[in-house]
Structure formats: structure tokens, C-alpha cells
Amino acid sequence: MTDAQPIDDVSIGGETIRLGPFLKFAGVLDSGGNVKEAIIDGYVSVNGEVDRRRGRQLQLGDVVSFEGRSFRVRP
């Protein structure tokens, strides 16, 4: 694939973070309500698979995607 989108690294300052807070921390969405809606509606994927759990525990190296943008969890 030549049009693959770049993956932005987001340093979380630790080992793990939950999906909902990560989306806010990374600046993907600006409110908890928007985060909840995007996740529940299936617009967010983790490592290429839709995940509808705001509380999903992300690990270092996981890639979260939303609206054509991707973000990698970094320490």
C-alpha cells in the first residue's frame, strides 16, 4: 500500500492507559462524550480491529485508529 497513513507516536509516560482517556490525551477527541460516542458507534479500532470498550487497557505498541489517523502507544 503506497497511501498508508503515517502513525503518530503518543508518549503516555507509563506502561498502560485505557482507550477512552488515550483518545483525549492524544488530542484525537476533546470531550468524554465524544470519546464514548465514537467508541460505542464502532469508529475506533485497536490494532486493526474495532473495539467498543472505553475501558480497554492499551499496552505499549498498540495502534489506535480513528477517522483515517493512527496513533501508537509509547512509554
PDB file of N, CA and C in Angstrom:
ATOM      1  N   MET A   1       0.843  -1.187   0.000  1.00  0.00           N
ATOM      2  CA  MET A   1       0.000   0.000   0.000  1.00  0.00           C
ATOM      3  C   MET A   1       0.881   1.240   0.000  1.00  0.00           C
ATOM      4  N   THR A   2       0.727   2.057  -0.987  1.00  0.00           N
ATOM      5  CA  THR A   2       1.542   3.254  -1.050  1.00  0.00           C
ATOM      6  C   THR A   2       0.899   4.433  -0.355  1.00  0.00           C
ATOM      7  N   ASP A   3      -0.436   4.413  -0.141  1.00  0.00           N
ATOM      8  CA  ASP A   3      -1.050   5.548   0.532  1.00  0.00           C
ATOM      9  C   ASP A   3      -1.285   5.282   2.015  1.00  0.00           C
ATOM     10  N   ALA A   4      -0.508   4.465   2.638  1.00  0.00           N
ATOM     11  CA  ALA A   4      -0.653   4.192   4.058  1.00  0.00           C
ATOM     12  C   ALA A   4      -0.400   5.470   4.852  1.00  0.00           C
ATOM     13  N   GLN A   5      -1.275   5.715   5.797  1.00  0.00           N
ATOM     14  CA  GLN A   5      -1.155   6.904   6.637  1.00  0.00           C
ATOM     15  C   GLN A   5      -0.036   6.696   7.652  1.00  0.00           C
ATOM     16  N   PRO A   6       0.689   7.764   7.970  1.00  0.00           N
ATOM     17  CA  PRO A   6       1.727   7.634   8.995  1.00  0.00           C
ATOM     18  C   PRO A   6       1.082   7.387  10.364  1.00  0.00           C
ATOM     19  N   ILE A   7       1.852   6.768  11.218  1.00  0.00           N
ATOM     20  CA  ILE A   7       1.379   6.512  12.578  1.00  0.00           C
ATOM     21  C   ILE A   7       2.089   7.484  13.506  1.00  0.00           C
ATOM     22  N   ASP A   8       1.309   8.270  14.251  1.00  0.00           N
ATOM     23  CA  ASP A   8       1.879   9.216  15.200  1.00  0.00           C
ATOM     24  C   ASP A   8       2.137   8.505  16.523  1.00  0.00           C
ATOM     25  N   ASP A   9       3.338   8.680  17.079  1.00  0.00           N
ATOM     26  CA  ASP A   9       3.655   8.118  18.392  1.00  0.00           C
ATOM     27  C   ASP A   9       3.148   9.057  19.473  1.00  0.00           C
ATOM     28  N   VAL A  10       2.490   8.484  20.489  1.00  0.00           N
ATOM     29  CA  VAL A  10       1.972   9.260  21.610  1.00  0.00           C
ATOM     30  C   VAL A  10       2.572   8.691  22.886  1.00  0.00           C
ATOM     31  N   SER A  11       3.397   9.486  23.541  1.00  0.00           N
ATOM     32  CA  SER A  11       4.030   9.049  24.782  1.00  0.00           C
ATOM     33  C   SER A  11       3.055   9.234  25.936  1.00  0.00           C
ATOM     34  N   ILE A  12       2.775   8.127  26.643  1.00  0.00           N
ATOM     35  CA  ILE A  12       1.801   8.182  27.743  1.00  0.00           C
ATOM     36  C   ILE A  12       2.480   8.305  29.103  1.00  0.00           C
ATOM     37  N   GLY A  13       3.797   8.234  29.145  1.00  0.00           N
ATOM     38  CA  GLY A  13       4.520   8.399  30.392  1.00  0.00           C
ATOM     39  C   GLY A  13       4.373   7.231  31.352  1.00  0.00           C
ATOM     40  N   GLY A  14       4.016   6.070  30.831  1.00  0.00           N
ATOM     41  CA  GLY A  14       3.866   4.893  31.674  1.00  0.00           C
ATOM     42  C   GLY A  14       3.757   3.648  30.823  1.00  0.00           C
ATOM     43  N   GLU A  15       3.220   2.595  31.415  1.00  0.00           N
ATOM     44  CA  GLU A  15       3.124   1.310  30.726  1.00  0.00           C
ATOM     45  C   GLU A  15       1.773   1.072  30.058  1.00  0.00           C
ATOM     46  N   THR A  16       0.690   1.526  30.692  1.00  0.00           N
ATOM     47  CA  THR A  16      -0.654   1.264  30.168  1.00  0.00           C
ATOM     48  C   THR A  16      -1.537   2.494  30.311  1.00  0.00           C
ATOM     49  N   ILE A  17      -2.599   2.503  29.518  1.00  0.00           N
ATOM     50  CA  ILE A  17      -3.623   3.547  29.595  1.00  0.00           C
ATOM     51  C   ILE A  17      -4.895   2.950  29.003  1.00  0.00           C
ATOM     52  N   ARG A  18      -6.031   3.406  29.451  1.00  0.00           N
ATOM     53  CA  ARG A  18      -7.292   2.913  28.909  1.00  0.00           C
ATOM     54  C   ARG A  18      -7.628   3.663  27.618  1.00  0.00           C
ATOM     55  N   LEU A  19      -8.414   3.013  26.764  1.00  0.00           N
ATOM     56  CA  LEU A  19      -8.720   3.547  25.439  1.00  0.00           C
ATOM     57  C   LEU A  19      -9.370   4.925  25.493  1.00  0.00           C
ATOM     58  N   GLY A  20     -10.396   5.098  26.318  1.00  0.00           N
ATOM     59  CA  GLY A  20     -11.090   6.390  26.391  1.00  0.00           C
ATOM     60  C   GLY A  20     -10.159   7.534  26.745  1.00  0.00           C
ATOM     61  N   PRO A  21      -9.445   7.433  27.867  1.00  0.00           N
ATOM     62  CA  PRO A  21      -8.506   8.502  28.220  1.00  0.00           C
ATOM     63  C   PRO A  21      -7.400   8.711  27.184  1.00  0.00           C
ATOM     64  N   PHE A  22      -6.979   7.635  26.516  1.00  0.00           N
ATOM     65  CA  PHE A  22      -5.945   7.778  25.497  1.00  0.00           C
ATOM     66  C   PHE A  22      -6.410   8.678  24.360  1.00  0.00           C
ATOM     67  N   LEU A  23      -7.649   8.500  23.916  1.00  0.00           N
ATOM     68  CA  LEU A  23      -8.160   9.316  22.814  1.00  0.00           C
ATOM     69  C   LEU A  23      -8.178  10.796  23.184  1.00  0.00           C
ATOM     70  N   LYS A  24      -8.509  11.106  24.426  1.00  0.00           N
ATOM     71  CA  LYS A  24      -8.470  12.502  24.879  1.00  0.00           C
ATOM     72  C   LYS A  24      -7.035  12.980  25.029  1.00  0.00           C
ATOM     73  N   PHE A  25      -6.183  12.157  25.651  1.00  0.00           N
ATOM     74  CA  PHE A  25      -4.791  12.516  25.888  1.00  0.00           C
ATOM     75  C   PHE A  25      -4.054  12.788  24.580  1.00  0.00           C
ATOM     76  N   ALA A  26      -4.322  11.974  23.569  1.00  0.00           N
ATOM     77  CA  ALA A  26      -3.666  12.121  22.268  1.00  0.00           C
ATOM     78  C   ALA A  26      -4.221  13.289  21.465  1.00  0.00           C
ATOM     79  N   GLY A  27      -5.310  13.885  21.936  1.00  0.00           N
ATOM     80  CA  GLY A  27      -5.916  15.011  21.228  1.00  0.00           C
ATOM     81  C   GLY A  27      -6.779  14.595  20.061  1.00  0.00           C
ATOM     82  N   VAL A  28      -7.165  13.318  20.032  1.00  0.00           N
ATOM     83  CA  VAL A  28      -7.994  12.808  18.942  1.00  0.00           C
ATOM     84  C   VAL A  28      -9.404  13.364  19.074  1.00  0.00           C
ATOM     85  N   LEU A  29      -9.938  13.327  20.269  1.00  0.00           N
ATOM     86  CA  LEU A  29     -11.260  13.879  20.570  1.00  0.00           C
ATOM     87  C   LEU A  29     -11.132  14.737  21.823  1.00  0.00           C
ATOM     88  N   ASP A  30     -11.991  15.747  21.932  1.00  0.00           N
ATOM     89  CA  ASP A  30     -11.799  16.700  23.026  1.00  0.00           C
ATOM     90  C   ASP A  30     -12.722  16.535  24.229  1.00  0.00           C
ATOM     91  N   SER A  31     -13.704  15.662  24.150  1.00  0.00           N
ATOM     92  CA  SER A  31     -14.581  15.504  25.311  1.00  0.00           C
ATOM     93  C   SER A  31     -14.892  14.033  25.556  1.00  0.00           C
ATOM     94  N   GLY A  32     -15.178  13.740  26.813  1.00  0.00           N
ATOM     95  CA  GLY A  32     -15.522  12.374  27.176  1.00  0.00           C
ATOM     96  C   GLY A  32     -16.759  11.880  26.445  1.00  0.00           C
ATOM     97  N   GLY A  33     -17.718  12.766  26.214  1.00  0.00           N
ATOM     98  CA  GLY A  33     -18.934  12.396  25.498  1.00  0.00           C
ATOM     99  C   GLY A  33     -18.642  11.995  24.061  1.00  0.00           C
ATOM    100  N   ASN A  34     -17.770  12.765  23.405  1.00  0.00           N
ATOM    101  CA  ASN A  34     -17.390  12.430  22.027  1.00  0.00           C
ATOM    102  C   ASN A  34     -16.626  11.119  21.968  1.00  0.00           C
ATOM    103  N   VAL A  35     -15.748  10.895  22.958  1.00  0.00           N
ATOM    104  CA  VAL A  35     -14.987   9.649  23.029  1.00  0.00           C
ATOM    105  C   VAL A  35     -15.940   8.469  23.175  1.00  0.00           C
ATOM    106  N   LYS A  36     -16.858   8.575  24.117  1.00  0.00           N
ATOM    107  CA  LYS A  36     -17.822   7.491  24.375  1.00  0.00           C
ATOM    108  C   LYS A  36     -18.618   7.165  23.113  1.00  0.00           C
ATOM    109  N   GLU A  37     -19.120   8.195  22.446  1.00  0.00           N
ATOM    110  CA  GLU A  37     -19.934   8.005  21.247  1.00  0.00           C
ATOM    111  C   GLU A  37     -19.129   7.354  20.117  1.00  0.00           C
ATOM    112  N   ALA A  38     -17.912   7.837  19.886  1.00  0.00           N
ATOM    113  CA  ALA A  38     -17.080   7.288  18.810  1.00  0.00           C
ATOM    114  C   ALA A  38     -16.760   5.814  19.047  1.00  0.00           C
ATOM    115  N   ILE A  39     -16.469   5.465  20.295  1.00  0.00           N
ATOM    116  CA  ILE A  39     -16.127   4.079  20.612  1.00  0.00           C
ATOM    117  C   ILE A  39     -17.354   3.187  20.490  1.00  0.00           C
ATOM    118  N   ILE A  40     -18.462   3.591  21.096  1.00  0.00           N
ATOM    119  CA  ILE A  40     -19.680   2.781  21.066  1.00  0.00           C
ATOM    120  C   ILE A  40     -20.185   2.590  19.642  1.00  0.00           C
ATOM    121  N   ASP A  41     -20.051   3.621  18.807  1.00  0.00           N
ATOM    122  CA  ASP A  41     -20.523   3.541  17.423  1.00  0.00           C
ATOM    123  C   ASP A  41     -19.576   2.762  16.509  1.00  0.00           C
ATOM    124  N   GLY A  42     -18.441   2.297  17.050  1.00  0.00           N
ATOM    125  CA  GLY A  42     -17.532   1.452  16.281  1.00  0.00           C
ATOM    126  C   GLY A  42     -16.590   2.191  15.355  1.00  0.00           C
ATOM    127  N   TYR A  43     -16.326   3.466  15.643  1.00  0.00           N
ATOM    128  CA  TYR A  43     -15.434   4.252  14.788  1.00  0.00           C
ATOM    129  C   TYR A  43     -13.967   4.150  15.190  1.00  0.00           C
ATOM    130  N   VAL A  44     -13.687   3.475  16.301  1.00  0.00           N
ATOM    131  CA  VAL A  44     -12.321   3.377  16.813  1.00  0.00           C
ATOM    132  C   VAL A  44     -11.844   1.939  16.696  1.00  0.00           C
ATOM    133  N   SER A  45     -10.624   1.767  16.204  1.00  0.00           N
ATOM    134  CA  SER A  45     -10.057   0.412  16.160  1.00  0.00           C
ATOM    135  C   SER A  45      -8.732   0.382  16.911  1.00  0.00           C
ATOM    136  N   VAL A  46      -8.436  -0.789  17.440  1.00  0.00           N
ATOM    137  CA  VAL A  46      -7.178  -1.023  18.140  1.00  0.00           C
ATOM    138  C   VAL A  46      -6.495  -2.186  17.432  1.00  0.00           C
ATOM    139  N   ASN A  47      -5.298  -1.943  16.950  1.00  0.00           N
ATOM    140  CA  ASN A  47      -4.536  -2.953  16.215  1.00  0.00           C
ATOM    141  C   ASN A  47      -5.345  -3.549  15.060  1.00  0.00           C
ATOM    142  N   GLY A  48      -6.110  -2.683  14.378  1.00  0.00           N
ATOM    143  CA  GLY A  48      -6.842  -3.092  13.190  1.00  0.00           C
ATOM    144  C   GLY A  48      -8.213  -3.691  13.427  1.00  0.00           C
ATOM    145  N   GLU A  49      -8.638  -3.810  14.687  1.00  0.00           N
ATOM    146  CA  GLU A  49      -9.955  -4.379  14.988  1.00  0.00           C
ATOM    147  C   GLU A  49     -10.789  -3.394  15.786  1.00  0.00           C
ATOM    148  N   VAL A  50     -12.049  -3.240  15.388  1.00  0.00           N
ATOM    149  CA  VAL A  50     -12.961  -2.354  16.112  1.00  0.00           C
ATOM    150  C   VAL A  50     -13.082  -2.835  17.551  1.00  0.00           C
ATOM    151  N   ASP A  51     -12.989  -1.878  18.483  1.00  0.00           N
ATOM    152  CA  ASP A  51     -13.149  -2.207  19.901  1.00  0.00           C
ATOM    153  C   ASP A  51     -14.110  -1.195  20.503  1.00  0.00           C
ATOM    154  N   ARG A  52     -15.195  -1.688  21.082  1.00  0.00           N
ATOM    155  CA  ARG A  52     -16.239  -0.812  21.626  1.00  0.00           C
ATOM    156  C   ARG A  52     -16.154  -0.668  23.143  1.00  0.00           C
ATOM    157  N   ARG A  53     -14.971  -0.924  23.714  1.00  0.00           N
ATOM    158  CA  ARG A  53     -14.797  -0.832  25.171  1.00  0.00           C
ATOM    159  C   ARG A  53     -13.933   0.385  25.513  1.00  0.00           C
ATOM    160  N   ARG A  54     -14.541   1.399  26.128  1.00  0.00           N
ATOM    161  CA  ARG A  54     -13.771   2.574  26.549  1.00  0.00           C
ATOM    162  C   ARG A  54     -12.689   2.193  27.541  1.00  0.00           C
ATOM    163  N   GLY A  55     -12.972   1.167  28.350  1.00  0.00           N
ATOM    164  CA  GLY A  55     -12.038   0.748  29.382  1.00  0.00           C
ATOM    165  C   GLY A  55     -10.982  -0.226  28.909  1.00  0.00           C
ATOM    166  N   ARG A  56     -10.917  -0.488  27.624  1.00  0.00           N
ATOM    167  CA  ARG A  56      -9.902  -1.405  27.085  1.00  0.00           C
ATOM    168  C   ARG A  56      -8.529  -0.932  27.521  1.00  0.00           C
ATOM    169  N   GLN A  57      -7.774  -1.815  28.120  1.00  0.00           N
ATOM    170  CA  GLN A  57      -6.426  -1.489  28.576  1.00  0.00           C
ATOM    171  C   GLN A  57      -5.466  -1.569  27.398  1.00  0.00           C
ATOM    172  N   LEU A  58      -4.867  -0.447  27.023  1.00  0.00           N
ATOM    173  CA  LEU A  58      -3.903  -0.418  25.934  1.00  0.00           C
ATOM    174  C   LEU A  58      -2.518  -0.722  26.478  1.00  0.00           C
ATOM    175  N   GLN A  59      -1.726  -1.378  25.676  1.00  0.00           N
ATOM    176  CA  GLN A  59      -0.350  -1.718  26.027  1.00  0.00           C
ATOM    177  C   GLN A  59       0.594  -0.929  25.119  1.00  0.00           C
ATOM    178  N   LEU A  60       1.840  -0.821  25.526  1.00  0.00           N
ATOM    179  CA  LEU A  60       2.836  -0.147  24.698  1.00  0.00           C
ATOM    180  C   LEU A  60       2.904  -0.834  23.336  1.00  0.00           C
ATOM    181  N   GLY A  61       2.917  -0.047  22.285  1.00  0.00           N
ATOM    182  CA  GLY A  61       2.984  -0.577  20.927  1.00  0.00           C
ATOM    183  C   GLY A  61       1.630  -0.743  20.254  1.00  0.00           C
ATOM    184  N   ASP A  62       0.536  -0.710  21.028  1.00  0.00           N
ATOM    185  CA  ASP A  62      -0.794  -0.795  20.422  1.00  0.00           C
ATOM    186  C   ASP A  62      -1.007   0.401  19.501  1.00  0.00           C
ATOM    187  N   VAL A  63      -1.748   0.184  18.416  1.00  0.00           N
ATOM    188  CA  VAL A  63      -2.050   1.251  17.466  1.00  0.00           C
ATOM    189  C   VAL A  63      -3.556   1.492  17.471  1.00  0.00           C
ATOM    190  N   VAL A  64      -3.935   2.725  17.788  1.00  0.00           N
ATOM    191  CA  VAL A  64      -5.337   3.129  17.842  1.00  0.00           C
ATOM    192  C   VAL A  64      -5.627   3.975  16.609  1.00  0.00           C
ATOM    193  N   SER A  65      -6.717   3.646  15.905  1.00  0.00           N
ATOM    194  CA  SER A  65      -7.067   4.386  14.686  1.00  0.00           C
ATOM    195  C   SER A  65      -8.457   4.977  14.795  1.00  0.00           C
ATOM    196  N   PHE A  66      -8.608   6.184  14.226  1.00  0.00           N
ATOM    197  CA  PHE A  66      -9.886   6.893  14.215  1.00  0.00           C
ATOM    198  C   PHE A  66      -9.878   7.859  13.048  1.00  0.00           C
ATOM    199  N   GLU A  67     -10.895   7.757  12.191  1.00  0.00           N
ATOM    200  CA  GLU A  67     -11.067   8.659  11.046  1.00  0.00           C
ATOM    201  C   GLU A  67      -9.802   8.818  10.199  1.00  0.00           C
ATOM    202  N   GLY A  68      -9.172   7.693   9.862  1.00  0.00           N
ATOM    203  CA  GLY A  68      -8.022   7.725   8.976  1.00  0.00           C
ATOM    204  C   GLY A  68      -6.713   8.117   9.627  1.00  0.00           C
ATOM    205  N   ARG A  69      -6.722   8.379  10.924  1.00  0.00           N
ATOM    206  CA  ARG A  69      -5.494   8.721  11.646  1.00  0.00           C
ATOM    207  C   ARG A  69      -5.155   7.585  12.594  1.00  0.00           C
ATOM    208  N   SER A  70      -3.859   7.326  12.777  1.00  0.00           N
ATOM    209  CA  SER A  70      -3.419   6.248  13.658  1.00  0.00           C
ATOM    210  C   SER A  70      -2.396   6.762  14.667  1.00  0.00           C
ATOM    211  N   PHE A  71      -2.472   6.212  15.867  1.00  0.00           N
ATOM    212  CA  PHE A  71      -1.633   6.653  16.977  1.00  0.00           C
ATOM    213  C   PHE A  71      -1.084   5.425  17.694  1.00  0.00           C
ATOM    214  N   ARG A  72       0.246   5.393  17.893  1.00  0.00           N
ATOM    215  CA  ARG A  72       0.901   4.274  18.564  1.00  0.00           C
ATOM    216  C   ARG A  72       1.178   4.650  20.016  1.00  0.00           C
ATOM    217  N   VAL A  73       0.842   3.752  20.942  1.00  0.00           N
ATOM    218  CA  VAL A  73       1.084   3.969  22.370  1.00  0.00           C
ATOM    219  C   VAL A  73       2.569   3.759  22.650  1.00  0.00           C
ATOM    220  N   ARG A  74       3.198   4.776  23.212  1.00  0.00           N
ATOM    221  CA  ARG A  74       4.625   4.743  23.560  1.00  0.00           C
ATOM    222  C   ARG A  74       4.795   5.106  25.031  1.00  0.00           C
ATOM    223  N   PRO A  75       5.913   4.663  25.636  1.00  0.00           N
ATOM    224  CA  PRO A  75       6.140   4.984  27.067  1.00  0.00           C
ATOM    225  C   PRO A  75       6.432   6.469  27.270  1.00  0.00           C
TER     226      PRO A  75
END
